[in-house]
Amino acid sequence: MKEPMKNIAKGDALILKEQVDYQPGQVVSKTLAQNDAVSVTLFSFDKGEEISTHQSEGDAFVTCLDGVGRITIDGKDSILQEGESIVMPAGHPHAVFGEEQFKMLLVVVF
């Protein structure tokens, strides 16, 4: 049987922002779940790093875990700080940029 969630401890309390490390000059991703209904991924962005404009087939729920990130949806910028969230709607162009070092939890619901 395929494991529903991977790459993360189960049954123990944890701090999500400690589950993915910053790397100089990189965007780092850690997939926690991936199937036809949902995708759950942790990301870290070094300052100035980005995921360029793209679209998703699902609604993408982003929560800032650390730092400051800029989310652009349909050309409109929103700044996210720790504890803040935004939904990038399915089928709309969006991008993510590390204004400072930035960690986020991404949950895409298809």
PDB file of N, CA and C in Angstrom:
ATOM      1  N   MET A   1       0.834  -1.180   0.000  1.00  0.00           N
ATOM      2  CA  MET A   1       0.000   0.000   0.000  1.00  0.00           C
ATOM      3  C   MET A   1       0.883   1.248   0.000  1.00  0.00           C
ATOM      4  N   LYS A   2       0.526   2.211  -0.840  1.00  0.00           N
ATOM      5  CA  LYS A   2       1.275   3.459  -0.905  1.00  0.00           C
ATOM      6  C   LYS A   2       0.993   4.298   0.332  1.00  0.00           C
ATOM      7  N   GLU A   3       2.053   4.863   0.890  1.00  0.00           N
ATOM      8  CA  GLU A   3       1.932   5.682   2.091  1.00  0.00           C
ATOM      9  C   GLU A   3       1.281   7.030   1.739  1.00  0.00           C
ATOM     10  N   PRO A   4       0.180   7.418   2.427  1.00  0.00           N
ATOM     11  CA  PRO A   4      -0.490   8.683   2.098  1.00  0.00           C
ATOM     12  C   PRO A   4       0.392   9.919   2.317  1.00  0.00           C
ATOM     13  N   MET A   5       1.163   9.935   3.410  1.00  0.00           N
ATOM     14  CA  MET A   5       2.088  11.039   3.674  1.00  0.00           C
ATOM     15  C   MET A   5       3.487  10.470   3.856  1.00  0.00           C
ATOM     16  N   LYS A   6       4.479  11.227   3.397  1.00  0.00           N
ATOM     17  CA  LYS A   6       5.866  10.780   3.462  1.00  0.00           C
ATOM     18  C   LYS A   6       6.763  11.930   3.893  1.00  0.00           C
ATOM     19  N   ASN A   7       8.002  11.621   4.188  1.00  0.00           N
ATOM     20  CA  ASN A   7       9.036  12.615   4.481  1.00  0.00           C
ATOM     21  C   ASN A   7       8.762  13.462   5.714  1.00  0.00           C
ATOM     22  N   ILE A   8       7.925  12.944   6.640  1.00  0.00           N
ATOM     23  CA  ILE A   8       7.605  13.691   7.842  1.00  0.00           C
ATOM     24  C   ILE A   8       7.271  12.708   8.966  1.00  0.00           C
ATOM     25  N   ALA A   9       7.672  13.057  10.191  1.00  0.00           N
ATOM     26  CA  ALA A   9       7.373  12.195  11.337  1.00  0.00           C
ATOM     27  C   ALA A   9       5.873  12.166  11.587  1.00  0.00           C
ATOM     28  N   LYS A  10       5.383  11.022  12.020  1.00  0.00           N
ATOM     29  CA  LYS A  10       3.958  10.861  12.309  1.00  0.00           C
ATOM     30  C   LYS A  10       3.778  10.554  13.788  1.00  0.00           C
ATOM     31  N   GLY A  11       2.722  11.100  14.358  1.00  0.00           N
ATOM     32  CA  GLY A  11       2.401  10.815  15.752  1.00  0.00           C
ATOM     33  C   GLY A  11       3.128  11.670  16.771  1.00  0.00           C
ATOM     34  N   ASP A  12       3.981  12.576  16.303  1.00  0.00           N
ATOM     35  CA  ASP A  12       4.718  13.466  17.201  1.00  0.00           C
ATOM     36  C   ASP A  12       4.461  14.915  16.799  1.00  0.00           C
ATOM     37  N   ALA A  13       4.348  15.801  17.792  1.00  0.00           N
ATOM     38  CA  ALA A  13       4.234  17.229  17.504  1.00  0.00           C
ATOM     39  C   ALA A  13       5.524  17.695  16.835  1.00  0.00           C
ATOM     40  N   LEU A  14       5.390  18.591  15.873  1.00  0.00           N
ATOM     41  CA  LEU A  14       6.567  19.111  15.188  1.00  0.00           C
ATOM     42  C   LEU A  14       6.330  20.546  14.768  1.00  0.00           C
ATOM     43  N   ILE A  15       7.395  21.213  14.407  1.00  0.00           N
ATOM     44  CA  ILE A  15       7.336  22.590  13.927  1.00  0.00           C
ATOM     45  C   ILE A  15       7.627  22.542  12.434  1.00  0.00           C
ATOM     46  N   LEU A  16       6.608  22.888  11.620  1.00  0.00           N
ATOM     47  CA  LEU A  16       6.734  22.738  10.171  1.00  0.00           C
ATOM     48  C   LEU A  16       7.930  23.479   9.589  1.00  0.00           C
ATOM     49  N   LYS A  17       8.192  24.702  10.065  1.00  0.00           N
ATOM     50  CA  LYS A  17       9.284  25.471   9.469  1.00  0.00           C
ATOM     51  C   LYS A  17      10.647  24.830   9.712  1.00  0.00           C
ATOM     52  N   GLU A  18      10.733  23.908  10.664  1.00  0.00           N
ATOM     53  CA  GLU A  18      11.992  23.193  10.907  1.00  0.00           C
ATOM     54  C   GLU A  18      12.150  21.958  10.017  1.00  0.00           C
ATOM     55  N   GLN A  19      11.150  21.666   9.199  1.00  0.00           N
ATOM     56  CA  GLN A  19      11.160  20.452   8.383  1.00  0.00           C
ATOM     57  C   GLN A  19      11.781  20.662   7.001  1.00  0.00           C
ATOM     58  N   VAL A  20      12.120  21.907   6.670  1.00  0.00           N
ATOM     59  CA  VAL A  20      12.796  22.212   5.398  1.00  0.00           C
ATOM     60  C   VAL A  20      13.825  23.300   5.681  1.00  0.00           C
ATOM     61  N   ASP A  21      15.035  23.125   5.135  1.00  0.00           N
ATOM     62  CA  ASP A  21      16.140  24.045   5.404  1.00  0.00           C
ATOM     63  C   ASP A  21      16.312  25.052   4.271  1.00  0.00           C
ATOM     64  N   TYR A  22      16.869  26.212   4.604  1.00  0.00           N
ATOM     65  CA  TYR A  22      17.289  27.175   3.586  1.00  0.00           C
ATOM     66  C   TYR A  22      18.581  26.687   2.946  1.00  0.00           C
ATOM     67  N   GLN A  23      18.718  26.936   1.637  1.00  0.00           N
ATOM     68  CA  GLN A  23      19.952  26.663   0.915  1.00  0.00           C
ATOM     69  C   GLN A  23      20.304  27.915   0.124  1.00  0.00           C
ATOM     70  N   PRO A  24      21.548  28.372   0.191  1.00  0.00           N
ATOM     71  CA  PRO A  24      21.931  29.596  -0.523  1.00  0.00           C
ATOM     72  C   PRO A  24      21.605  29.511  -2.020  1.00  0.00           C
ATOM     73  N   GLY A  25      20.925  30.544  -2.520  1.00  0.00           N
ATOM     74  CA  GLY A  25      20.641  30.646  -3.952  1.00  0.00           C
ATOM     75  C   GLY A  25      19.638  29.642  -4.479  1.00  0.00           C
ATOM     76  N   GLN A  26      18.826  29.027  -3.593  1.00  0.00           N
ATOM     77  CA  GLN A  26      17.939  27.960  -4.058  1.00  0.00           C
ATOM     78  C   GLN A  26      16.522  28.088  -3.520  1.00  0.00           C
ATOM     79  N   VAL A  27      15.626  27.433  -4.228  1.00  0.00           N
ATOM     80  CA  VAL A  27      14.301  27.101  -3.726  1.00  0.00           C
ATOM     81  C   VAL A  27      14.351  25.613  -3.404  1.00  0.00           C
ATOM     82  N   VAL A  28      14.012  25.258  -2.181  1.00  0.00           N
ATOM     83  CA  VAL A  28      14.028  23.858  -1.746  1.00  0.00           C
ATOM     84  C   VAL A  28      12.584  23.428  -1.517  1.00  0.00           C
ATOM     85  N   SER A  29      12.233  22.233  -2.022  1.00  0.00           N
ATOM     86  CA  SER A  29      10.884  21.710  -1.778  1.00  0.00           C
ATOM     87  C   SER A  29      10.970  20.330  -1.150  1.00  0.00           C
ATOM     88  N   LYS A  30       9.971  20.032  -0.328  1.00  0.00           N
ATOM     89  CA  LYS A  30       9.876  18.728   0.336  1.00  0.00           C
ATOM     90  C   LYS A  30       8.422  18.285   0.234  1.00  0.00           C
ATOM     91  N   THR A  31       8.177  17.278  -0.580  1.00  0.00           N
ATOM     92  CA  THR A  31       6.822  16.773  -0.800  1.00  0.00           C
ATOM     93  C   THR A  31       6.395  15.913   0.382  1.00  0.00           C
ATOM     94  N   LEU A  32       5.217  16.235   0.941  1.00  0.00           N
ATOM     95  CA  LEU A  32       4.668  15.472   2.056  1.00  0.00           C
ATOM     96  C   LEU A  32       3.540  14.547   1.612  1.00  0.00           C
ATOM     97  N   ALA A  33       2.796  14.953   0.584  1.00  0.00           N
ATOM     98  CA  ALA A  33       1.719  14.115   0.034  1.00  0.00           C
ATOM     99  C   ALA A  33       1.467  14.539  -1.408  1.00  0.00           C
ATOM    100  N   GLN A  34       1.142  13.555  -2.255  1.00  0.00           N
ATOM    101  CA  GLN A  34       0.882  13.837  -3.668  1.00  0.00           C
ATOM    102  C   GLN A  34      -0.043  12.751  -4.203  1.00  0.00           C
ATOM    103  N   ASN A  35      -1.259  13.156  -4.580  1.00  0.00           N
ATOM    104  CA  ASN A  35      -2.178  12.216  -5.223  1.00  0.00           C
ATOM    105  C   ASN A  35      -3.139  12.998  -6.111  1.00  0.00           C
ATOM    106  N   ASP A  36      -4.168  12.333  -6.637  1.00  0.00           N
ATOM    107  CA  ASP A  36      -5.085  12.986  -7.567  1.00  0.00           C
ATOM    108  C   ASP A  36      -5.953  14.053  -6.907  1.00  0.00           C
ATOM    109  N   ALA A  37      -6.075  14.040  -5.580  1.00  0.00           N
ATOM    110  CA  ALA A  37      -6.966  14.961  -4.884  1.00  0.00           C
ATOM    111  C   ALA A  37      -6.235  16.121  -4.226  1.00  0.00           C
ATOM    112  N   VAL A  38      -4.984  15.871  -3.770  1.00  0.00           N
ATOM    113  CA  VAL A  38      -4.279  16.883  -2.986  1.00  0.00           C
ATOM    114  C   VAL A  38      -2.763  16.748  -3.147  1.00  0.00           C
ATOM    115  N   SER A  39      -2.087  17.879  -3.009  1.00  0.00           N
ATOM    116  CA  SER A  39      -0.631  17.909  -2.969  1.00  0.00           C
ATOM    117  C   SER A  39      -0.242  18.778  -1.776  1.00  0.00           C
ATOM    118  N   VAL A  40       0.675  18.274  -0.927  1.00  0.00           N
ATOM    119  CA  VAL A  40       1.132  19.019   0.244  1.00  0.00           C
ATOM    120  C   VAL A  40       2.656  19.091   0.163  1.00  0.00           C
ATOM    121  N   THR A  41       3.187  20.327   0.126  1.00  0.00           N
ATOM    122  CA  THR A  41       4.619  20.511  -0.054  1.00  0.00           C
ATOM    123  C   THR A  41       5.116  21.649   0.829  1.00  0.00           C
ATOM    124  N   LEU A  42       6.274  21.445   1.446  1.00  0.00           N
ATOM    125  CA  LEU A  42       6.969  22.508   2.161  1.00  0.00           C
ATOM    126  C   LEU A  42       8.005  23.120   1.220  1.00  0.00           C
ATOM    127  N   PHE A  43       8.157  24.433   1.271  1.00  0.00           N
ATOM    128  CA  PHE A  43       9.141  25.132   0.444  1.00  0.00           C
ATOM    129  C   PHE A  43       9.966  26.068   1.306  1.00  0.00           C
ATOM    130  N   SER A  44      11.237  26.243   0.933  1.00  0.00           N
ATOM    131  CA  SER A  44      12.049  27.334   1.457  1.00  0.00           C
ATOM    132  C   SER A  44      12.641  28.069   0.257  1.00  0.00           C
ATOM    133  N   PHE A  45      12.633  29.394   0.352  1.00  0.00           N
ATOM    134  CA  PHE A  45      13.174  30.263  -0.694  1.00  0.00           C
ATOM    135  C   PHE A  45      14.291  31.085  -0.084  1.00  0.00           C
ATOM    136  N   ASP A  46      15.463  31.067  -0.689  1.00  0.00           N
ATOM    137  CA  ASP A  46      16.480  32.023  -0.264  1.00  0.00           C
ATOM    138  C   ASP A  46      16.029  33.400  -0.754  1.00  0.00           C
ATOM    139  N   LYS A  47      16.523  34.453  -0.115  1.00  0.00           N
ATOM    140  CA  LYS A  47      16.159  35.812  -0.515  1.00  0.00           C
ATOM    141  C   LYS A  47      16.439  36.007  -2.004  1.00  0.00           C
ATOM    142  N   GLY A  48      15.427  36.507  -2.731  1.00  0.00           N
ATOM    143  CA  GLY A  48      15.575  36.776  -4.157  1.00  0.00           C
ATOM    144  C   GLY A  48      15.273  35.606  -5.061  1.00  0.00           C
ATOM    145  N   GLU A  49      15.021  34.435  -4.508  1.00  0.00           N
ATOM    146  CA  GLU A  49      14.685  33.262  -5.330  1.00  0.00           C
ATOM    147  C   GLU A  49      13.180  33.222  -5.571  1.00  0.00           C
ATOM    148  N   GLU A  50      12.782  32.542  -6.657  1.00  0.00           N
ATOM    149  CA  GLU A  50      11.372  32.568  -7.028  1.00  0.00           C
ATOM    150  C   GLU A  50      10.925  31.317  -7.776  1.00  0.00           C
ATOM    151  N   ILE A  51       9.623  31.136  -7.792  1.00  0.00           N
ATOM    152  CA  ILE A  51       8.959  30.224  -8.727  1.00  0.00           C
ATOM    153  C   ILE A  51       8.223  31.139  -9.685  1.00  0.00           C
ATOM    154  N   SER A  52       8.614  31.110 -10.955  1.00  0.00           N
ATOM    155  CA  SER A  52       8.076  32.052 -11.928  1.00  0.00           C
ATOM    156  C   SER A  52       6.596  31.783 -12.221  1.00  0.00           C
ATOM    157  N   THR A  53       5.981  32.700 -12.918  1.00  0.00           N
ATOM    158  CA  THR A  53       4.548  32.659 -13.194  1.00  0.00           C
ATOM    159  C   THR A  53       4.146  31.360 -13.885  1.00  0.00           C
ATOM    160  N   HIS A  54       3.103  30.743 -13.328  1.00  0.00           N
ATOM    161  CA  HIS A  54       2.554  29.504 -13.854  1.00  0.00           C
ATOM    162  C   HIS A  54       1.099  29.401 -13.417  1.00  0.00           C
ATOM    163  N   GLN A  55       0.416  28.351 -13.841  1.00  0.00           N
ATOM    164  CA  GLN A  55      -0.959  28.104 -13.418  1.00  0.00           C
ATOM    165  C   GLN A  55      -1.066  26.689 -12.868  1.00  0.00           C
ATOM    166  N   SER A  56      -2.063  26.478 -12.027  1.00  0.00           N
ATOM    167  CA  SER A  56      -2.307  25.164 -11.441  1.00  0.00           C
ATOM    168  C   SER A  56      -3.737  24.743 -11.751  1.00  0.00           C
ATOM    169  N   GLU A  57      -3.954  23.444 -11.830  1.00  0.00           N
ATOM    170  CA  GLU A  57      -5.299  22.912 -12.052  1.00  0.00           C
ATOM    171  C   GLU A  57      -6.111  22.875 -10.764  1.00  0.00           C
ATOM    172  N   GLY A  58      -5.460  23.139  -9.614  1.00  0.00           N
ATOM    173  CA  GLY A  58      -6.160  23.126  -8.340  1.00  0.00           C
ATOM    174  C   GLY A  58      -6.015  24.449  -7.614  1.00  0.00           C
ATOM    175  N   ASP A  59      -6.879  24.675  -6.625  1.00  0.00           N
ATOM    176  CA  ASP A  59      -6.720  25.833  -5.751  1.00  0.00           C
ATOM    177  C   ASP A  59      -5.507  25.587  -4.861  1.00  0.00           C
ATOM    178  N   ALA A  60      -4.628  26.583  -4.779  1.00  0.00           N
ATOM    179  CA  ALA A  60      -3.375  26.453  -4.039  1.00  0.00           C
ATOM    180  C   ALA A  60      -3.419  27.327  -2.794  1.00  0.00           C
ATOM    181  N   PHE A  61      -3.428  26.686  -1.625  1.00  0.00           N
ATOM    182  CA  PHE A  61      -3.492  27.369  -0.333  1.00  0.00           C
ATOM    183  C   PHE A  61      -2.078  27.486   0.212  1.00  0.00           C
ATOM    184  N   VAL A  62      -1.610  28.714   0.414  1.00  0.00           N
ATOM    185  CA  VAL A  62      -0.254  28.975   0.891  1.00  0.00           C
ATOM    186  C   VAL A  62      -0.314  29.556   2.304  1.00  0.00           C
ATOM    187  N   THR A  63       0.507  29.024   3.204  1.00  0.00           N
ATOM    188  CA  THR A  63       0.681  29.605   4.533  1.00  0.00           C
ATOM    189  C   THR A  63       2.162  29.896   4.729  1.00  0.00           C
ATOM    190  N   CYS A  64       2.465  31.147   5.092  1.00  0.00           N
ATOM    191  CA  CYS A  64       3.845  31.542   5.381  1.00  0.00           C
ATOM    192  C   CYS A  64       4.239  30.981   6.748  1.00  0.00           C
ATOM    193  N   LEU A  65       5.325  30.233   6.777  1.00  0.00           N
ATOM    194  CA  LEU A  65       5.829  29.635   8.014  1.00  0.00           C
ATOM    195  C   LEU A  65       6.973  30.434   8.625  1.00  0.00           C
ATOM    196  N   ASP A  66       7.676  31.212   7.785  1.00  0.00           N
ATOM    197  CA  ASP A  66       8.851  31.949   8.248  1.00  0.00           C
ATOM    198  C   ASP A  66       9.195  32.993   7.190  1.00  0.00           C
ATOM    199  N   GLY A  67       9.696  34.137   7.630  1.00  0.00           N
ATOM    200  CA  GLY A  67      10.197  35.134   6.699  1.00  0.00           C
ATOM    201  C   GLY A  67       9.115  35.942   6.013  1.00  0.00           C
ATOM    202  N   VAL A  68       9.458  36.451   4.815  1.00  0.00           N
ATOM    203  CA  VAL A  68       8.559  37.306   4.049  1.00  0.00           C
ATOM    204  C   VAL A  68       8.588  36.879   2.583  1.00  0.00           C
ATOM    205  N   GLY A  69       7.405  36.597   2.041  1.00  0.00           N
ATOM    206  CA  GLY A  69       7.293  36.215   0.641  1.00  0.00           C
ATOM    207  C   GLY A  69       6.307  37.102  -0.089  1.00  0.00           C
ATOM    208  N   ARG A  70       6.491  37.181  -1.400  1.00  0.00           N
ATOM    209  CA  ARG A  70       5.562  37.928  -2.251  1.00  0.00           C
ATOM    210  C   ARG A  70       4.839  36.939  -3.155  1.00  0.00           C
ATOM    211  N   ILE A  71       3.526  36.944  -3.071  1.00  0.00           N
ATOM    212  CA  ILE A  71       2.694  36.098  -3.916  1.00  0.00           C
ATOM    213  C   ILE A  71       2.037  37.010  -4.948  1.00  0.00           C
ATOM    214  N   THR A  72       2.173  36.662  -6.217  1.00  0.00           N
ATOM    215  CA  THR A  72       1.560  37.444  -7.284  1.00  0.00           C
ATOM    216  C   THR A  72       0.476  36.588  -7.927  1.00  0.00           C
ATOM    217  N   ILE A  73      -0.750  37.110  -7.952  1.00  0.00           N
ATOM    218  CA  ILE A  73      -1.887  36.421  -8.558  1.00  0.00           C
ATOM    219  C   ILE A  73      -2.519  37.374  -9.563  1.00  0.00           C
ATOM    220  N   ASP A  74      -2.619  36.942 -10.820  1.00  0.00           N
ATOM    221  CA  ASP A  74      -3.193  37.796 -11.873  1.00  0.00           C
ATOM    222  C   ASP A  74      -2.529  39.172 -11.901  1.00  0.00           C
ATOM    223  N   GLY A  75      -1.213  39.221 -11.639  1.00  0.00           N
ATOM    224  CA  GLY A  75      -0.470  40.470 -11.688  1.00  0.00           C
ATOM    225  C   GLY A  75      -0.559  41.327 -10.432  1.00  0.00           C
ATOM    226  N   LYS A  76      -1.334  40.889  -9.426  1.00  0.00           N
ATOM    227  CA  LYS A  76      -1.467  41.651  -8.173  1.00  0.00           C
ATOM    228  C   LYS A  76      -0.582  41.021  -7.104  1.00  0.00           C
ATOM    229  N   ASP A  77       0.266  41.856  -6.479  1.00  0.00           N
ATOM    230  CA  ASP A  77       1.190  41.386  -5.452  1.00  0.00           C
ATOM    231  C   ASP A  77       0.563  41.425  -4.063  1.00  0.00           C
ATOM    232  N   SER A  78       0.842  40.391  -3.272  1.00  0.00           N
ATOM    233  CA  SER A  78       0.489  40.347  -1.850  1.00  0.00           C
ATOM    234  C   SER A  78       1.727  39.914  -1.084  1.00  0.00           C
ATOM    235  N   ILE A  79       2.006  40.599   0.016  1.00  0.00           N
ATOM    236  CA  ILE A  79       3.145  40.250   0.869  1.00  0.00           C
ATOM    237  C   ILE A  79       2.629  39.375   2.012  1.00  0.00           C
ATOM    238  N   LEU A  80       3.258  38.210   2.194  1.00  0.00           N
ATOM    239  CA  LEU A  80       2.891  37.303   3.279  1.00  0.00           C
ATOM    240  C   LEU A  80       4.009  37.269   4.310  1.00  0.00           C
ATOM    241  N   GLN A  81       3.610  37.345   5.575  1.00  0.00           N
ATOM    242  CA  GLN A  81       4.535  37.189   6.684  1.00  0.00           C
ATOM    243  C   GLN A  81       4.084  36.000   7.523  1.00  0.00           C
ATOM    244  N   GLU A  82       4.939  35.571   8.428  1.00  0.00           N
ATOM    245  CA  GLU A  82       4.673  34.380   9.237  1.00  0.00           C
ATOM    246  C   GLU A  82       3.246  34.378   9.794  1.00  0.00           C
ATOM    247  N   GLY A  83       2.551  33.270   9.559  1.00  0.00           N
ATOM    248  CA  GLY A  83       1.196  33.090  10.059  1.00  0.00           C
ATOM    249  C   GLY A  83       0.112  33.518   9.086  1.00  0.00           C
ATOM    250  N   GLU A  84       0.470  34.219   8.019  1.00  0.00           N
ATOM    251  CA  GLU A  84      -0.519  34.672   7.039  1.00  0.00           C
ATOM    252  C   GLU A  84      -0.674  33.655   5.914  1.00  0.00           C
ATOM    253  N   SER A  85      -1.873  33.632   5.328  1.00  0.00           N
ATOM    254  CA  SER A  85      -2.194  32.678   4.264  1.00  0.00           C
ATOM    255  C   SER A  85      -2.887  33.382   3.113  1.00  0.00           C
ATOM    256  N   ILE A  86      -2.860  32.737   1.944  1.00  0.00           N
ATOM    257  CA  ILE A  86      -3.555  33.228   0.756  1.00  0.00           C
ATOM    258  C   ILE A  86      -3.909  32.025  -0.105  1.00  0.00           C
ATOM    259  N   VAL A  87      -4.984  32.152  -0.885  1.00  0.00           N
ATOM    260  CA  VAL A  87      -5.360  31.113  -1.837  1.00  0.00           C
ATOM    261  C   VAL A  87      -5.109  31.629  -3.252  1.00  0.00           C
ATOM    262  N   MET A  88      -4.336  30.860  -4.004  1.00  0.00           N
ATOM    263  CA  MET A  88      -4.103  31.141  -5.413  1.00  0.00           C
ATOM    264  C   MET A  88      -5.107  30.282  -6.185  1.00  0.00           C
ATOM    265  N   PRO A  89      -6.131  30.897  -6.796  1.00  0.00           N
ATOM    266  CA  PRO A  89      -7.194  30.105  -7.412  1.00  0.00           C
ATOM    267  C   PRO A  89      -6.731  29.328  -8.641  1.00  0.00           C
ATOM    268  N   ALA A  90      -7.346  28.171  -8.831  1.00  0.00           N
ATOM    269  CA  ALA A  90      -7.050  27.318  -9.988  1.00  0.00           C
ATOM    270  C   ALA A  90      -7.227  28.114 -11.278  1.00  0.00           C
ATOM    271  N   GLY A  91      -6.322  27.871 -12.222  1.00  0.00           N
ATOM    272  CA  GLY A  91      -6.441  28.472 -13.538  1.00  0.00           C
ATOM    273  C   GLY A  91      -6.004  29.919 -13.639  1.00  0.00           C
ATOM    274  N   HIS A  92      -5.530  30.510 -12.548  1.00  0.00           N
ATOM    275  CA  HIS A  92      -5.065  31.900 -12.566  1.00  0.00           C
ATOM    276  C   HIS A  92      -3.545  31.929 -12.498  1.00  0.00           C
ATOM    277  N   PRO A  93      -2.898  32.771 -13.323  1.00  0.00           N
ATOM    278  CA  PRO A  93      -1.441  32.858 -13.262  1.00  0.00           C
ATOM    279  C   PRO A  93      -0.975  33.386 -11.908  1.00  0.00           C
ATOM    280  N   HIS A  94       0.044  32.722 -11.362  1.00  0.00           N
ATOM    281  CA  HIS A  94       0.582  33.124 -10.068  1.00  0.00           C
ATOM    282  C   HIS A  94       2.082  32.825 -10.000  1.00  0.00           C
ATOM    283  N   ALA A  95       2.756  33.516  -9.072  1.00  0.00           N
ATOM    284  CA  ALA A  95       4.193  33.345  -8.870  1.00  0.00           C
ATOM    285  C   ALA A  95       4.494  33.570  -7.389  1.00  0.00           C
ATOM    286  N   VAL A  96       5.661  33.062  -6.959  1.00  0.00           N
ATOM    287  CA  VAL A  96       6.091  33.202  -5.560  1.00  0.00           C
ATOM    288  C   VAL A  96       7.538  33.698  -5.557  1.00  0.00           C
ATOM    289  N   PHE A  97       7.825  34.700  -4.707  1.00  0.00           N
ATOM    290  CA  PHE A  97       9.150  35.324  -4.654  1.00  0.00           C
ATOM    291  C   PHE A  97       9.566  35.512  -3.200  1.00  0.00           C
ATOM    292  N   GLY A  98      10.800  35.206  -2.894  1.00  0.00           N
ATOM    293  CA  GLY A  98      11.333  35.406  -1.549  1.00  0.00           C
ATOM    294  C   GLY A  98      11.809  36.838  -1.360  1.00  0.00           C
ATOM    295  N   GLU A  99      10.966  37.682  -0.752  1.00  0.00           N
ATOM    296  CA  GLU A  99      11.365  39.064  -0.434  1.00  0.00           C
ATOM    297  C   GLU A  99      12.533  39.036   0.553  1.00  0.00           C
ATOM    298  N   GLU A 100      12.454  38.134   1.491  1.00  0.00           N
ATOM    299  CA  GLU A 100      13.521  37.779   2.415  1.00  0.00           C
ATOM    300  C   GLU A 100      13.590  36.249   2.340  1.00  0.00           C
ATOM    301  N   GLN A 101      14.393  35.615   3.166  1.00  0.00           N
ATOM    302  CA  GLN A 101      14.275  34.159   3.241  1.00  0.00           C
ATOM    303  C   GLN A 101      12.838  33.874   3.652  1.00  0.00           C
ATOM    304  N   PHE A 102      12.261  32.825   3.076  1.00  0.00           N
ATOM    305  CA  PHE A 102      10.816  32.604   3.179  1.00  0.00           C
ATOM    306  C   PHE A 102      10.539  31.113   3.147  1.00  0.00           C
ATOM    307  N   LYS A 103       9.727  30.645   4.086  1.00  0.00           N
ATOM    308  CA  LYS A 103       9.271  29.257   4.087  1.00  0.00           C
ATOM    309  C   LYS A 103       7.755  29.238   4.025  1.00  0.00           C
ATOM    310  N   MET A 104       7.223  28.286   3.280  1.00  0.00           N
ATOM    311  CA  MET A 104       5.767  28.200   3.152  1.00  0.00           C
ATOM    312  C   MET A 104       5.307  26.743   3.078  1.00  0.00           C
ATOM    313  N   LEU A 105       4.067  26.562   3.502  1.00  0.00           N
ATOM    314  CA  LEU A 105       3.364  25.300   3.305  1.00  0.00           C
ATOM    315  C   LEU A 105       2.411  25.522   2.159  1.00  0.00           C
ATOM    316  N   LEU A 106       2.465  24.648   1.156  1.00  0.00           N
ATOM    317  CA  LEU A 106       1.580  24.714  -0.001  1.00  0.00           C
ATOM    318  C   LEU A 106       0.676  23.497  -0.005  1.00  0.00           C
ATOM    319  N   VAL A 107      -0.630  23.733   0.009  1.00  0.00           N
ATOM    320  CA  VAL A 107      -1.617  22.666  -0.107  1.00  0.00           C
ATOM    321  C   VAL A 107      -2.445  22.949  -1.352  1.00  0.00           C
ATOM    322  N   VAL A 108      -2.344  22.077  -2.353  1.00  0.00           N
ATOM    323  CA  VAL A 108      -3.120  22.241  -3.572  1.00  0.00           C
ATOM    324  C   VAL A 108      -4.230  21.209  -3.558  1.00  0.00           C
ATOM    325  N   VAL A 109      -5.468  21.687  -3.712  1.00  0.00           N
ATOM    326  CA  VAL A 109      -6.642  20.821  -3.717  1.00  0.00           C
ATOM    327  C   VAL A 109      -7.166  20.774  -5.144  1.00  0.00           C
ATOM    328  N   PHE A 110      -7.235  19.552  -5.707  1.00  0.00           N
ATOM    329  CA  PHE A 110      -7.669  19.373  -7.104  1.00  0.00           C
ATOM    330  C   PHE A 110      -9.137  18.991  -7.182  1.00  0.00           C
TER     331      PHE A 110
END
